[in-house]
Structure formats: structure tokens, C-alpha cells
Amino acid sequence: MKILNLEEKKILDSVDLFFTKEEALQLISYLNDLVKNPSHQHSHLESDDYSNEITVWLYDKENFDDLPSKVKKMLEDNIWE
């Protein structure tokens, strides 16, 4: 698992996430879709008023080269640790 803040170009060690039940169910649905369809690579979960967003990614050694360059650049040094 890698936690990135792409806007600030930082790798984070931890993060606390708070979801409503509906948001949690939507996140589960998005993750299930990513596992079943790895070519989708990522999904966006927005709050009801679109003021917050979480992007969840699916990555492995096979699709690493297909990730956006800004993501690869942040991850390439320690991706498989």
C-alpha cells in the first residue's frame, strides 16, 4: 500500500479516512470493479457536495508502466518494498 499526496508530491505513512455508510458502500463497489477490471486502474470517490475526493488505484508489476508519469516518479524508488 502506498499513500500519496500528489498535489504536494509527498509520500505519507498514514491517513485517517471517515466515510458515511453510503460512501463506504460506494468505495467497496469501486474497489470490486477495479479488481474485476484492472485496466480501469483507478476510481474517484467524491463527497456528496464534491468538496472532497479520494482516488483509489490498483497497481502491480504488470501495469506499473501504464500509470501516469507523476505517480510513477513518486513510486519508482520504493514501489515493491
N, C-alpha and C. Protein backbone atom coordinates (compact mmCIF):
# COMPACT_ATOMS: atom_id res chain seq x y z
N MET A 1 0.84 -1.17 0.00
CA MET A 1 0.00 0.00 0.00
C MET A 1 0.89 1.23 0.00
N LYS A 2 0.54 2.18 -0.84
CA LYS A 2 1.24 3.46 -0.89
C LYS A 2 0.20 4.56 -0.74
N ILE A 3 0.53 5.56 0.05
CA ILE A 3 -0.36 6.70 0.27
C ILE A 3 0.37 7.94 -0.23
N LEU A 4 -0.15 8.55 -1.27
CA LEU A 4 0.50 9.70 -1.89
C LEU A 4 -0.37 10.94 -1.78
N ASN A 5 0.26 12.07 -1.61
CA ASN A 5 -0.38 13.35 -1.79
C ASN A 5 0.24 13.91 -3.07
N LEU A 6 -0.43 13.69 -4.19
CA LEU A 6 0.14 14.07 -5.48
C LEU A 6 0.27 15.58 -5.63
N GLU A 7 -0.64 16.33 -5.03
CA GLU A 7 -0.57 17.79 -5.15
C GLU A 7 0.69 18.34 -4.48
N GLU A 8 1.05 17.79 -3.33
CA GLU A 8 2.23 18.27 -2.61
C GLU A 8 3.45 17.40 -2.86
N LYS A 9 3.30 16.38 -3.69
CA LYS A 9 4.39 15.47 -4.04
C LYS A 9 5.03 14.87 -2.79
N LYS A 10 4.18 14.31 -1.92
CA LYS A 10 4.65 13.70 -0.70
C LYS A 10 4.12 12.28 -0.59
N ILE A 11 4.94 11.42 -0.01
CA ILE A 11 4.51 10.07 0.34
C ILE A 11 4.17 10.11 1.82
N LEU A 12 2.99 9.65 2.17
CA LEU A 12 2.52 9.68 3.55
C LEU A 12 2.61 8.30 4.17
N ASP A 13 2.81 8.27 5.48
CA ASP A 13 2.86 7.00 6.20
C ASP A 13 1.48 6.53 6.64
N SER A 14 0.60 7.47 6.91
CA SER A 14 -0.74 7.09 7.37
C SER A 14 -1.72 8.20 7.03
N VAL A 15 -2.98 7.81 7.06
CA VAL A 15 -4.07 8.76 6.81
C VAL A 15 -5.31 8.20 7.49
N ASP A 16 -6.13 9.06 8.02
CA ASP A 16 -7.41 8.66 8.60
C ASP A 16 -8.51 9.03 7.62
N LEU A 17 -9.38 8.09 7.32
CA LEU A 17 -10.49 8.32 6.40
C LEU A 17 -11.80 8.10 7.13
N PHE A 18 -12.74 8.99 6.92
CA PHE A 18 -14.04 8.89 7.56
C PHE A 18 -15.10 8.85 6.46
N PHE A 19 -15.97 7.83 6.51
CA PHE A 19 -16.98 7.64 5.48
C PHE A 19 -18.37 7.55 6.10
N THR A 20 -19.36 8.02 5.36
CA THR A 20 -20.73 7.67 5.70
C THR A 20 -20.93 6.23 5.23
N LYS A 21 -22.01 5.62 5.65
CA LYS A 21 -22.29 4.25 5.21
C LYS A 21 -22.41 4.20 3.69
N GLU A 22 -23.08 5.17 3.10
CA GLU A 22 -23.27 5.20 1.65
C GLU A 22 -21.94 5.35 0.93
N GLU A 23 -21.06 6.21 1.45
CA GLU A 23 -19.75 6.39 0.84
C GLU A 23 -18.92 5.12 0.94
N ALA A 24 -18.98 4.45 2.07
CA ALA A 24 -18.24 3.19 2.26
C ALA A 24 -18.72 2.14 1.26
N LEU A 25 -20.03 2.04 1.08
CA LEU A 25 -20.57 1.08 0.12
C LEU A 25 -20.13 1.42 -1.30
N GLN A 26 -20.09 2.71 -1.62
CA GLN A 26 -19.64 3.11 -2.95
C GLN A 26 -18.16 2.78 -3.14
N LEU A 27 -17.35 3.01 -2.12
CA LEU A 27 -15.93 2.67 -2.20
C LEU A 27 -15.73 1.17 -2.41
N ILE A 28 -16.48 0.38 -1.67
CA ILE A 28 -16.42 -1.08 -1.86
C ILE A 28 -16.75 -1.45 -3.30
N SER A 29 -17.77 -0.83 -3.85
CA SER A 29 -18.17 -1.10 -5.23
C SER A 29 -17.05 -0.72 -6.20
N TYR A 30 -16.43 0.43 -5.98
CA TYR A 30 -15.33 0.87 -6.85
C TYR A 30 -14.15 -0.09 -6.76
N LEU A 31 -13.82 -0.53 -5.56
CA LEU A 31 -12.70 -1.45 -5.40
C LEU A 31 -13.00 -2.80 -6.06
N ASN A 32 -14.22 -3.28 -5.92
CA ASN A 32 -14.61 -4.52 -6.60
C ASN A 32 -14.47 -4.38 -8.10
N ASP A 33 -14.87 -3.24 -8.64
CA ASP A 33 -14.75 -3.00 -10.08
C ASP A 33 -13.29 -3.00 -10.50
N LEU A 34 -12.42 -2.36 -9.71
CA LEU A 34 -11.00 -2.33 -10.06
C LEU A 34 -10.39 -3.72 -10.07
N VAL A 35 -10.77 -4.55 -9.11
CA VAL A 35 -10.23 -5.91 -9.05
C VAL A 35 -10.71 -6.73 -10.25
N LYS A 36 -11.96 -6.54 -10.63
CA LYS A 36 -12.51 -7.29 -11.76
C LYS A 36 -12.05 -6.75 -13.10
N ASN A 37 -11.75 -5.45 -13.14
CA ASN A 37 -11.36 -4.79 -14.39
C ASN A 37 -10.10 -3.96 -14.16
N PRO A 38 -8.95 -4.62 -14.02
CA PRO A 38 -7.72 -3.90 -13.68
C PRO A 38 -7.32 -2.82 -14.70
N SER A 39 -7.81 -2.94 -15.92
CA SER A 39 -7.46 -1.93 -16.92
C SER A 39 -8.04 -0.56 -16.58
N HIS A 40 -9.03 -0.51 -15.69
CA HIS A 40 -9.59 0.78 -15.27
C HIS A 40 -8.61 1.58 -14.43
N GLN A 41 -7.67 0.92 -13.77
CA GLN A 41 -6.57 1.48 -12.99
C GLN A 41 -7.00 2.27 -11.75
N HIS A 42 -8.00 3.14 -11.84
CA HIS A 42 -8.36 3.95 -10.69
C HIS A 42 -9.82 4.37 -10.74
N SER A 43 -10.31 4.81 -9.57
CA SER A 43 -11.66 5.34 -9.44
C SER A 43 -11.63 6.53 -8.49
N HIS A 44 -12.59 7.41 -8.68
CA HIS A 44 -12.71 8.60 -7.85
C HIS A 44 -13.96 8.50 -6.98
N LEU A 45 -13.79 8.71 -5.70
CA LEU A 45 -14.91 8.75 -4.77
C LEU A 45 -15.02 10.18 -4.26
N GLU A 46 -16.15 10.83 -4.57
CA GLU A 46 -16.37 12.21 -4.16
C GLU A 46 -17.40 12.28 -3.05
N SER A 47 -17.26 13.30 -2.21
CA SER A 47 -18.29 13.55 -1.20
C SER A 47 -19.55 14.06 -1.90
N ASP A 48 -20.66 14.05 -1.18
CA ASP A 48 -21.94 14.45 -1.78
C ASP A 48 -21.87 15.84 -2.41
N ASP A 49 -21.15 16.76 -1.78
CA ASP A 49 -21.07 18.13 -2.31
C ASP A 49 -19.82 18.35 -3.18
N TYR A 50 -19.09 17.28 -3.47
CA TYR A 50 -17.89 17.30 -4.32
C TYR A 50 -16.76 18.16 -3.75
N SER A 51 -16.80 18.43 -2.45
CA SER A 51 -15.73 19.23 -1.84
C SER A 51 -14.51 18.37 -1.48
N ASN A 52 -14.69 17.06 -1.42
CA ASN A 52 -13.60 16.13 -1.09
C ASN A 52 -13.58 15.00 -2.10
N GLU A 53 -12.38 14.50 -2.34
CA GLU A 53 -12.25 13.40 -3.30
C GLU A 53 -11.13 12.47 -2.85
N ILE A 54 -11.36 11.18 -3.02
CA ILE A 54 -10.35 10.16 -2.83
C ILE A 54 -10.23 9.42 -4.16
N THR A 55 -9.00 9.25 -4.61
CA THR A 55 -8.76 8.44 -5.79
C THR A 55 -8.08 7.16 -5.33
N VAL A 56 -8.67 6.04 -5.68
CA VAL A 56 -8.09 4.74 -5.34
C VAL A 56 -7.53 4.12 -6.61
N TRP A 57 -6.34 3.56 -6.48
CA TRP A 57 -5.61 2.99 -7.61
C TRP A 57 -5.37 1.51 -7.39
N LEU A 58 -5.30 0.78 -8.47
CA LEU A 58 -4.87 -0.61 -8.44
C LEU A 58 -3.57 -0.67 -9.24
N TYR A 59 -2.51 -1.20 -8.61
CA TYR A 59 -1.24 -1.29 -9.32
C TYR A 59 -0.58 -2.64 -9.04
N ASP A 60 0.20 -3.07 -9.99
CA ASP A 60 1.04 -4.26 -9.82
C ASP A 60 2.20 -4.14 -10.80
N LYS A 61 3.06 -5.11 -10.80
CA LYS A 61 4.25 -5.05 -11.66
C LYS A 61 3.87 -5.03 -13.14
N GLU A 62 2.76 -5.64 -13.48
CA GLU A 62 2.35 -5.70 -14.89
C GLU A 62 1.82 -4.37 -15.41
N ASN A 63 1.15 -3.57 -14.57
CA ASN A 63 0.56 -2.33 -15.08
C ASN A 63 1.32 -1.08 -14.64
N PHE A 64 2.43 -1.25 -13.94
CA PHE A 64 3.15 -0.10 -13.43
C PHE A 64 3.52 0.89 -14.53
N ASP A 65 3.96 0.39 -15.67
CA ASP A 65 4.35 1.28 -16.77
C ASP A 65 3.18 2.07 -17.34
N ASP A 66 1.97 1.64 -17.10
CA ASP A 66 0.79 2.33 -17.61
C ASP A 66 0.30 3.45 -16.68
N LEU A 67 0.86 3.54 -15.49
CA LEU A 67 0.45 4.59 -14.55
C LEU A 67 0.91 5.95 -15.05
N PRO A 68 0.22 7.02 -14.64
CA PRO A 68 0.66 8.37 -15.03
C PRO A 68 2.09 8.64 -14.56
N SER A 69 2.81 9.40 -15.32
CA SER A 69 4.23 9.64 -15.02
C SER A 69 4.44 10.27 -13.65
N LYS A 70 3.56 11.17 -13.21
CA LYS A 70 3.76 11.78 -11.90
C LYS A 70 3.62 10.76 -10.77
N VAL A 71 2.78 9.76 -10.97
CA VAL A 71 2.63 8.69 -9.98
C VAL A 71 3.86 7.79 -10.01
N LYS A 72 4.27 7.37 -11.19
CA LYS A 72 5.44 6.50 -11.31
C LYS A 72 6.68 7.16 -10.71
N LYS A 73 6.85 8.44 -10.98
CA LYS A 73 8.03 9.15 -10.47
C LYS A 73 8.09 9.11 -8.95
N MET A 74 6.97 9.28 -8.30
CA MET A 74 6.94 9.26 -6.83
C MET A 74 7.14 7.85 -6.28
N LEU A 75 6.71 6.86 -7.01
CA LEU A 75 6.74 5.50 -6.50
C LEU A 75 7.94 4.67 -6.91
N GLU A 76 8.59 5.02 -7.99
CA GLU A 76 9.55 4.10 -8.59
C GLU A 76 10.70 3.68 -7.68
N ASP A 77 11.10 4.51 -6.74
CA ASP A 77 12.23 4.17 -5.89
C ASP A 77 11.92 3.09 -4.86
N ASN A 78 10.67 3.06 -4.37
CA ASN A 78 10.36 2.11 -3.29
C ASN A 78 9.03 1.38 -3.50
N ILE A 79 8.64 1.20 -4.73
CA ILE A 79 7.32 0.65 -5.02
C ILE A 79 7.13 -0.77 -4.51
N TRP A 80 8.14 -1.61 -4.56
CA TRP A 80 7.93 -3.01 -4.21
C TRP A 80 8.47 -3.37 -2.84
N GLU A 81 8.72 -2.36 -2.02
CA GLU A 81 9.18 -2.62 -0.64
C GLU A 81 8.05 -3.10 0.23
